[in-house]
């Protein structure tokens, strides 16, 4: 998907940096402090924090699992607090019957709570 979006990003004078959540190797949330404090003890959290803090916005590509987003995406979102604030986020979803739109509905509730600003439109890809 990053290869498809990269030319669009260039027309906006933006850089697209692909990132697979699995590459971060984040265990289930293991910080002692609440993420809203921005106090991180684990090295993997500090790395993730630096990546998110540097970004101006996000395009999340997600499948749908049982009417929701994957646990890995929810976990990655939950790890951080202030780094997300007021940054735009767009979604590309994929899945069978609903093309992943229910995962995006779920994700939008979470990102809004984290003070991200979800875009109104979603790209939804139905796979058969």
N, C-alpha and C. Protein backbone atom coordinates (compact mmCIF):
# COMPACT_ATOMS: atom_id res chain seq x y z
N UNK A 1 0.82 -1.19 0.00
CA UNK A 1 0.00 0.00 0.00
C UNK A 1 0.87 1.25 0.00
N UNK A 2 2.01 1.20 0.69
CA UNK A 2 2.89 2.37 0.76
C UNK A 2 3.37 2.77 -0.64
N UNK A 3 3.62 1.78 -1.48
CA UNK A 3 4.09 2.07 -2.84
C UNK A 3 3.01 2.80 -3.63
N UNK A 4 1.74 2.50 -3.35
CA UNK A 4 0.63 3.16 -4.03
C UNK A 4 0.44 4.59 -3.53
N UNK A 5 0.61 4.79 -2.24
CA UNK A 5 0.38 6.11 -1.65
C UNK A 5 1.55 7.07 -1.82
N UNK A 6 2.75 6.55 -2.00
CA UNK A 6 3.95 7.39 -2.07
C UNK A 6 3.87 8.46 -3.15
N UNK A 7 3.45 8.15 -4.40
CA UNK A 7 3.37 9.21 -5.42
C UNK A 7 2.37 10.31 -5.04
N UNK A 8 1.28 9.94 -4.39
CA UNK A 8 0.30 10.94 -3.94
C UNK A 8 0.93 11.85 -2.90
N UNK A 9 1.68 11.26 -1.99
CA UNK A 9 2.33 12.05 -0.94
C UNK A 9 3.32 13.04 -1.54
N UNK A 10 4.05 12.60 -2.57
CA UNK A 10 5.04 13.50 -3.19
C UNK A 10 4.37 14.71 -3.83
N UNK A 11 3.17 14.54 -4.40
CA UNK A 11 2.49 15.69 -5.00
C UNK A 11 2.11 16.73 -3.94
N UNK A 12 2.05 16.32 -2.70
CA UNK A 12 1.74 17.22 -1.59
C UNK A 12 3.00 17.68 -0.87
N UNK A 13 4.16 17.36 -1.46
CA UNK A 13 5.45 17.68 -0.85
C UNK A 13 5.57 17.06 0.55
N UNK A 14 5.10 15.81 0.65
CA UNK A 14 5.14 15.09 1.92
C UNK A 14 5.97 13.82 1.75
N UNK A 15 6.57 13.39 2.82
CA UNK A 15 7.30 12.13 2.84
C UNK A 15 6.43 11.06 3.47
N UNK A 16 6.40 9.92 2.85
CA UNK A 16 5.67 8.79 3.40
C UNK A 16 6.69 7.78 3.91
N UNK A 17 6.61 7.46 5.17
CA UNK A 17 7.54 6.52 5.79
C UNK A 17 6.77 5.27 6.18
N UNK A 18 6.90 4.19 5.39
CA UNK A 18 6.16 2.96 5.73
C UNK A 18 6.65 2.35 7.03
N UNK A 19 5.70 1.83 7.80
CA UNK A 19 6.04 1.20 9.07
C UNK A 19 5.05 0.07 9.32
N UNK A 20 5.58 -1.11 9.55
CA UNK A 20 4.74 -2.25 9.93
C UNK A 20 4.79 -2.37 11.45
N UNK A 21 3.65 -2.39 12.07
CA UNK A 21 3.60 -2.47 13.53
C UNK A 21 4.36 -3.67 14.05
N UNK A 22 4.31 -4.77 13.33
CA UNK A 22 5.03 -5.97 13.76
C UNK A 22 6.53 -5.75 13.86
N UNK A 23 7.06 -4.84 13.03
CA UNK A 23 8.50 -4.55 13.07
C UNK A 23 8.91 -3.85 14.36
N UNK A 24 7.96 -3.23 15.04
CA UNK A 24 8.28 -2.53 16.29
C UNK A 24 8.54 -3.49 17.44
N UNK A 25 8.00 -4.70 17.33
CA UNK A 25 8.13 -5.73 18.36
C UNK A 25 7.70 -5.21 19.74
N UNK A 26 6.54 -4.56 19.76
CA UNK A 26 5.99 -4.08 21.03
C UNK A 26 5.29 -5.22 21.75
N UNK A 27 5.68 -5.53 22.97
CA UNK A 27 4.89 -6.50 23.73
C UNK A 27 3.58 -5.85 24.14
N UNK A 28 2.66 -6.61 24.69
CA UNK A 28 1.46 -5.96 25.21
C UNK A 28 1.91 -4.94 26.25
N UNK A 29 1.20 -3.85 26.30
CA UNK A 29 1.58 -2.68 27.09
C UNK A 29 2.22 -3.06 28.42
N UNK A 30 3.45 -2.63 28.59
CA UNK A 30 4.22 -3.02 29.77
C UNK A 30 4.86 -1.84 30.50
N UNK A 31 4.30 -0.66 30.32
CA UNK A 31 4.83 0.51 31.01
C UNK A 31 4.18 0.66 32.38
N UNK A 32 4.94 1.18 33.33
CA UNK A 32 4.42 1.38 34.69
C UNK A 32 3.56 2.63 34.80
N UNK A 33 3.89 3.66 34.03
CA UNK A 33 3.19 4.94 34.09
C UNK A 33 2.07 4.96 33.06
N UNK A 34 1.06 5.76 33.32
CA UNK A 34 -0.01 5.94 32.33
C UNK A 34 0.58 6.65 31.11
N UNK A 35 0.21 6.26 29.89
CA UNK A 35 0.78 6.88 28.69
C UNK A 35 0.59 8.39 28.63
N UNK A 36 -0.44 8.92 29.25
CA UNK A 36 -0.68 10.37 29.19
C UNK A 36 0.44 11.17 29.85
N UNK A 37 1.23 10.52 30.71
CA UNK A 37 2.33 11.22 31.37
C UNK A 37 3.52 11.45 30.44
N UNK A 38 3.63 10.61 29.40
CA UNK A 38 4.79 10.70 28.52
C UNK A 38 6.06 10.18 29.17
N UNK A 39 5.94 9.51 30.31
CA UNK A 39 7.09 8.93 31.01
C UNK A 39 7.19 7.46 30.60
N UNK A 40 8.27 7.14 29.89
CA UNK A 40 8.43 5.78 29.37
C UNK A 40 9.72 5.17 29.90
N UNK A 41 9.60 3.99 30.47
CA UNK A 41 10.76 3.31 31.04
C UNK A 41 11.37 2.30 30.08
N UNK A 42 10.58 1.78 29.18
CA UNK A 42 11.04 0.73 28.27
C UNK A 42 11.65 1.33 27.00
N UNK A 43 12.76 0.75 26.55
CA UNK A 43 13.43 1.24 25.33
C UNK A 43 12.52 1.15 24.11
N UNK A 44 11.74 0.06 24.00
CA UNK A 44 10.86 -0.07 22.82
C UNK A 44 9.81 1.04 22.81
N UNK A 45 9.36 1.48 23.97
CA UNK A 45 8.39 2.57 24.03
C UNK A 45 9.03 3.89 23.64
N UNK A 46 10.25 4.12 24.08
CA UNK A 46 10.95 5.35 23.72
C UNK A 46 11.20 5.42 22.22
N UNK A 47 11.53 4.28 21.60
CA UNK A 47 11.71 4.25 20.13
C UNK A 47 10.39 4.58 19.43
N UNK A 48 9.31 3.94 19.85
CA UNK A 48 7.99 4.16 19.26
C UNK A 48 7.57 5.62 19.46
N UNK A 49 7.82 6.16 20.63
CA UNK A 49 7.49 7.55 20.93
C UNK A 49 8.21 8.51 19.98
N UNK A 50 9.48 8.26 19.73
CA UNK A 50 10.27 9.13 18.85
C UNK A 50 9.73 9.09 17.42
N UNK A 51 9.34 7.92 16.95
CA UNK A 51 8.78 7.78 15.59
C UNK A 51 7.50 8.59 15.47
N UNK A 52 6.60 8.42 16.43
CA UNK A 52 5.31 9.10 16.38
C UNK A 52 5.48 10.61 16.57
N UNK A 53 6.34 11.03 17.48
CA UNK A 53 6.55 12.45 17.74
C UNK A 53 7.06 13.17 16.49
N UNK A 54 7.87 12.50 15.71
CA UNK A 54 8.46 13.11 14.51
C UNK A 54 7.46 13.26 13.37
N UNK A 55 6.44 12.45 13.34
CA UNK A 55 5.48 12.45 12.23
C UNK A 55 4.51 13.62 12.33
N UNK A 56 4.08 14.10 11.16
CA UNK A 56 3.08 15.17 11.10
C UNK A 56 1.67 14.61 10.97
N UNK A 57 1.54 13.34 10.61
CA UNK A 57 0.24 12.71 10.44
C UNK A 57 0.43 11.25 10.09
N UNK A 58 -0.69 10.53 9.94
CA UNK A 58 -0.62 9.09 9.77
C UNK A 58 -1.65 8.59 8.77
N UNK A 59 -1.28 7.56 8.05
CA UNK A 59 -2.22 6.77 7.26
C UNK A 59 -2.14 5.36 7.82
N UNK A 60 -3.24 4.90 8.38
CA UNK A 60 -3.29 3.58 8.98
C UNK A 60 -3.97 2.62 8.01
N UNK A 61 -3.27 1.55 7.68
CA UNK A 61 -3.83 0.49 6.84
C UNK A 61 -4.16 -0.67 7.76
N UNK A 62 -5.43 -1.06 7.79
CA UNK A 62 -5.84 -2.09 8.75
C UNK A 62 -6.85 -3.07 8.18
N UNK A 63 -6.71 -4.33 8.54
CA UNK A 63 -7.78 -5.29 8.25
C UNK A 63 -8.82 -5.22 9.36
N UNK A 64 -9.87 -5.97 9.17
CA UNK A 64 -10.91 -6.08 10.20
C UNK A 64 -10.90 -7.50 10.75
N UNK A 65 -10.93 -7.61 12.06
CA UNK A 65 -11.03 -8.90 12.73
C UNK A 65 -12.21 -8.84 13.70
N UNK A 66 -13.19 -9.69 13.49
CA UNK A 66 -14.34 -9.77 14.41
C UNK A 66 -14.92 -8.40 14.76
N UNK A 67 -15.18 -7.61 13.73
CA UNK A 67 -15.81 -6.30 13.86
C UNK A 67 -14.89 -5.24 14.48
N UNK A 68 -13.61 -5.46 14.53
CA UNK A 68 -12.73 -4.48 15.14
C UNK A 68 -11.35 -4.47 14.52
N UNK A 69 -10.53 -3.60 15.05
CA UNK A 69 -9.14 -3.52 14.58
C UNK A 69 -8.31 -4.63 15.23
N UNK A 70 -7.19 -4.97 14.63
CA UNK A 70 -6.32 -5.99 15.22
C UNK A 70 -5.76 -5.54 16.58
N UNK A 71 -5.52 -6.49 17.44
CA UNK A 71 -4.97 -6.19 18.77
C UNK A 71 -3.63 -5.47 18.68
N UNK A 72 -2.83 -5.79 17.67
CA UNK A 72 -1.52 -5.14 17.53
C UNK A 72 -1.66 -3.64 17.28
N UNK A 73 -2.67 -3.25 16.50
CA UNK A 73 -2.90 -1.82 16.25
C UNK A 73 -3.39 -1.14 17.52
N UNK A 74 -4.34 -1.74 18.20
CA UNK A 74 -4.85 -1.16 19.46
C UNK A 74 -3.73 -1.00 20.48
N UNK A 75 -2.90 -2.02 20.59
CA UNK A 75 -1.78 -1.98 21.52
C UNK A 75 -0.81 -0.85 21.18
N UNK A 76 -0.48 -0.71 19.90
CA UNK A 76 0.46 0.34 19.48
C UNK A 76 -0.11 1.73 19.77
N UNK A 77 -1.40 1.90 19.56
CA UNK A 77 -2.04 3.18 19.87
C UNK A 77 -2.01 3.45 21.38
N UNK A 78 -2.32 2.44 22.16
CA UNK A 78 -2.41 2.59 23.62
C UNK A 78 -1.07 2.90 24.28
N UNK A 79 0.03 2.56 23.65
CA UNK A 79 1.34 2.76 24.25
C UNK A 79 1.67 4.22 24.54
N UNK A 80 1.14 5.13 23.72
CA UNK A 80 1.58 6.52 23.78
C UNK A 80 0.44 7.46 24.15
N UNK A 81 0.81 8.67 24.52
CA UNK A 81 -0.18 9.67 24.87
C UNK A 81 0.02 10.98 24.12
N UNK A 82 0.83 11.87 24.66
CA UNK A 82 0.93 13.22 24.09
C UNK A 82 1.47 13.26 22.66
N UNK A 83 2.19 12.25 22.24
CA UNK A 83 2.76 12.26 20.89
C UNK A 83 1.69 12.26 19.80
N UNK A 84 0.50 11.75 20.09
CA UNK A 84 -0.57 11.66 19.11
C UNK A 84 -1.32 12.98 18.92
N UNK A 85 -1.29 13.85 19.89
CA UNK A 85 -2.22 14.98 19.97
C UNK A 85 -2.25 15.85 18.72
N UNK A 86 -3.47 16.01 18.21
CA UNK A 86 -3.84 16.95 17.14
C UNK A 86 -3.20 16.64 15.79
N UNK A 87 -2.75 15.42 15.60
CA UNK A 87 -2.20 15.03 14.30
C UNK A 87 -3.30 14.34 13.49
N UNK A 88 -3.35 14.60 12.19
CA UNK A 88 -4.37 13.97 11.37
C UNK A 88 -4.07 12.48 11.14
N UNK A 89 -5.13 11.71 11.00
CA UNK A 89 -4.98 10.28 10.70
C UNK A 89 -6.05 9.88 9.68
N UNK A 90 -5.59 9.22 8.63
CA UNK A 90 -6.49 8.67 7.63
C UNK A 90 -6.44 7.16 7.69
N UNK A 91 -7.47 6.51 7.15
CA UNK A 91 -7.55 5.06 7.23
C UNK A 91 -7.77 4.44 5.86
N UNK A 92 -7.09 3.33 5.65
CA UNK A 92 -7.33 2.43 4.53
C UNK A 92 -7.66 1.10 5.18
N UNK A 93 -8.85 0.58 4.89
CA UNK A 93 -9.25 -0.68 5.51
C UNK A 93 -9.49 -1.74 4.44
N UNK A 94 -9.38 -2.98 4.87
CA UNK A 94 -9.69 -4.07 3.95
C UNK A 94 -10.30 -5.23 4.71
N UNK A 95 -11.14 -5.96 4.01
CA UNK A 95 -11.79 -7.11 4.62
C UNK A 95 -12.82 -7.68 3.67
N UNK A 96 -13.55 -8.65 4.15
CA UNK A 96 -14.55 -9.31 3.31
C UNK A 96 -15.82 -8.48 3.20
N UNK A 97 -16.85 -8.86 3.86
CA UNK A 97 -18.18 -8.27 3.69
C UNK A 97 -18.20 -6.76 3.83
N UNK A 98 -17.61 -6.22 4.88
CA UNK A 98 -17.69 -4.78 5.12
C UNK A 98 -16.47 -4.01 4.63
N UNK A 99 -15.54 -4.69 3.99
CA UNK A 99 -14.30 -4.06 3.49
C UNK A 99 -13.50 -3.40 4.62
N UNK A 100 -13.67 -3.89 5.83
CA UNK A 100 -12.90 -3.38 6.96
C UNK A 100 -13.45 -2.13 7.60
N UNK A 101 -14.61 -1.67 7.17
CA UNK A 101 -15.13 -0.40 7.69
C UNK A 101 -15.46 -0.46 9.18
N UNK A 102 -15.82 -1.62 9.68
CA UNK A 102 -16.13 -1.72 11.12
C UNK A 102 -14.86 -1.58 11.95
N UNK A 103 -13.73 -2.01 11.42
CA UNK A 103 -12.45 -1.81 12.11
C UNK A 103 -12.14 -0.32 12.20
N UNK A 104 -12.47 0.42 11.15
CA UNK A 104 -12.22 1.86 11.16
C UNK A 104 -13.16 2.56 12.13
N UNK A 105 -14.41 2.13 12.20
CA UNK A 105 -15.33 2.71 13.19
C UNK A 105 -14.75 2.55 14.60
N UNK A 106 -14.25 1.36 14.88
CA UNK A 106 -13.64 1.09 16.18
C UNK A 106 -12.39 1.95 16.38
N UNK A 107 -11.54 1.99 15.38
CA UNK A 107 -10.29 2.75 15.48
C UNK A 107 -10.56 4.25 15.68
N UNK A 108 -11.57 4.77 15.01
CA UNK A 108 -11.86 6.21 15.14
C UNK A 108 -12.27 6.57 16.57
N UNK A 109 -12.96 5.67 17.26
CA UNK A 109 -13.30 5.94 18.66
C UNK A 109 -12.02 6.04 19.50
N UNK A 110 -11.09 5.16 19.23
CA UNK A 110 -9.84 5.15 20.01
C UNK A 110 -8.97 6.35 19.67
N UNK A 111 -8.76 6.64 18.38
CA UNK A 111 -7.87 7.74 18.02
C UNK A 111 -8.42 9.09 18.46
N UNK A 112 -9.73 9.23 18.46
CA UNK A 112 -10.33 10.48 18.93
C UNK A 112 -10.04 10.68 20.42
N UNK A 113 -10.11 9.61 21.18
CA UNK A 113 -9.79 9.67 22.60
C UNK A 113 -8.33 10.06 22.81
N UNK A 114 -7.47 9.64 21.90
CA UNK A 114 -6.04 9.98 21.98
C UNK A 114 -5.74 11.36 21.41
N UNK A 115 -6.79 12.09 21.01
CA UNK A 115 -6.70 13.45 20.47
C UNK A 115 -6.10 13.51 19.06
N UNK A 116 -6.09 12.38 18.35
CA UNK A 116 -5.78 12.42 16.93
C UNK A 116 -7.01 12.98 16.21
N UNK A 117 -6.83 13.44 15.00
CA UNK A 117 -7.94 14.02 14.24
C UNK A 117 -8.19 13.14 13.02
N UNK A 118 -9.21 12.25 13.09
CA UNK A 118 -9.47 11.36 11.95
C UNK A 118 -10.08 12.12 10.77
N UNK A 119 -9.62 11.77 9.58
CA UNK A 119 -10.20 12.35 8.37
C UNK A 119 -11.59 11.78 8.16
N UNK A 120 -12.42 12.50 7.48
CA UNK A 120 -13.80 12.07 7.27
C UNK A 120 -13.94 10.89 6.34
N UNK A 121 -13.10 10.79 5.33
CA UNK A 121 -13.22 9.72 4.34
C UNK A 121 -12.26 8.58 4.65
N UNK A 122 -12.69 7.38 4.25
CA UNK A 122 -11.88 6.17 4.41
C UNK A 122 -11.80 5.46 3.07
N UNK A 123 -10.66 4.91 2.77
CA UNK A 123 -10.54 4.04 1.60
C UNK A 123 -10.82 2.63 2.10
N UNK A 124 -11.86 2.00 1.57
CA UNK A 124 -12.26 0.66 2.00
C UNK A 124 -12.15 -0.30 0.82
N UNK A 125 -11.38 -1.37 1.02
CA UNK A 125 -11.12 -2.34 -0.04
C UNK A 125 -11.75 -3.67 0.33
N UNK A 126 -12.69 -4.11 -0.49
CA UNK A 126 -13.35 -5.39 -0.25
C UNK A 126 -12.55 -6.49 -0.93
N UNK A 127 -12.20 -7.49 -0.15
CA UNK A 127 -11.50 -8.65 -0.72
C UNK A 127 -12.45 -9.84 -0.65
N UNK A 128 -12.36 -10.69 -1.66
CA UNK A 128 -13.28 -11.83 -1.69
C UNK A 128 -12.55 -13.13 -1.53
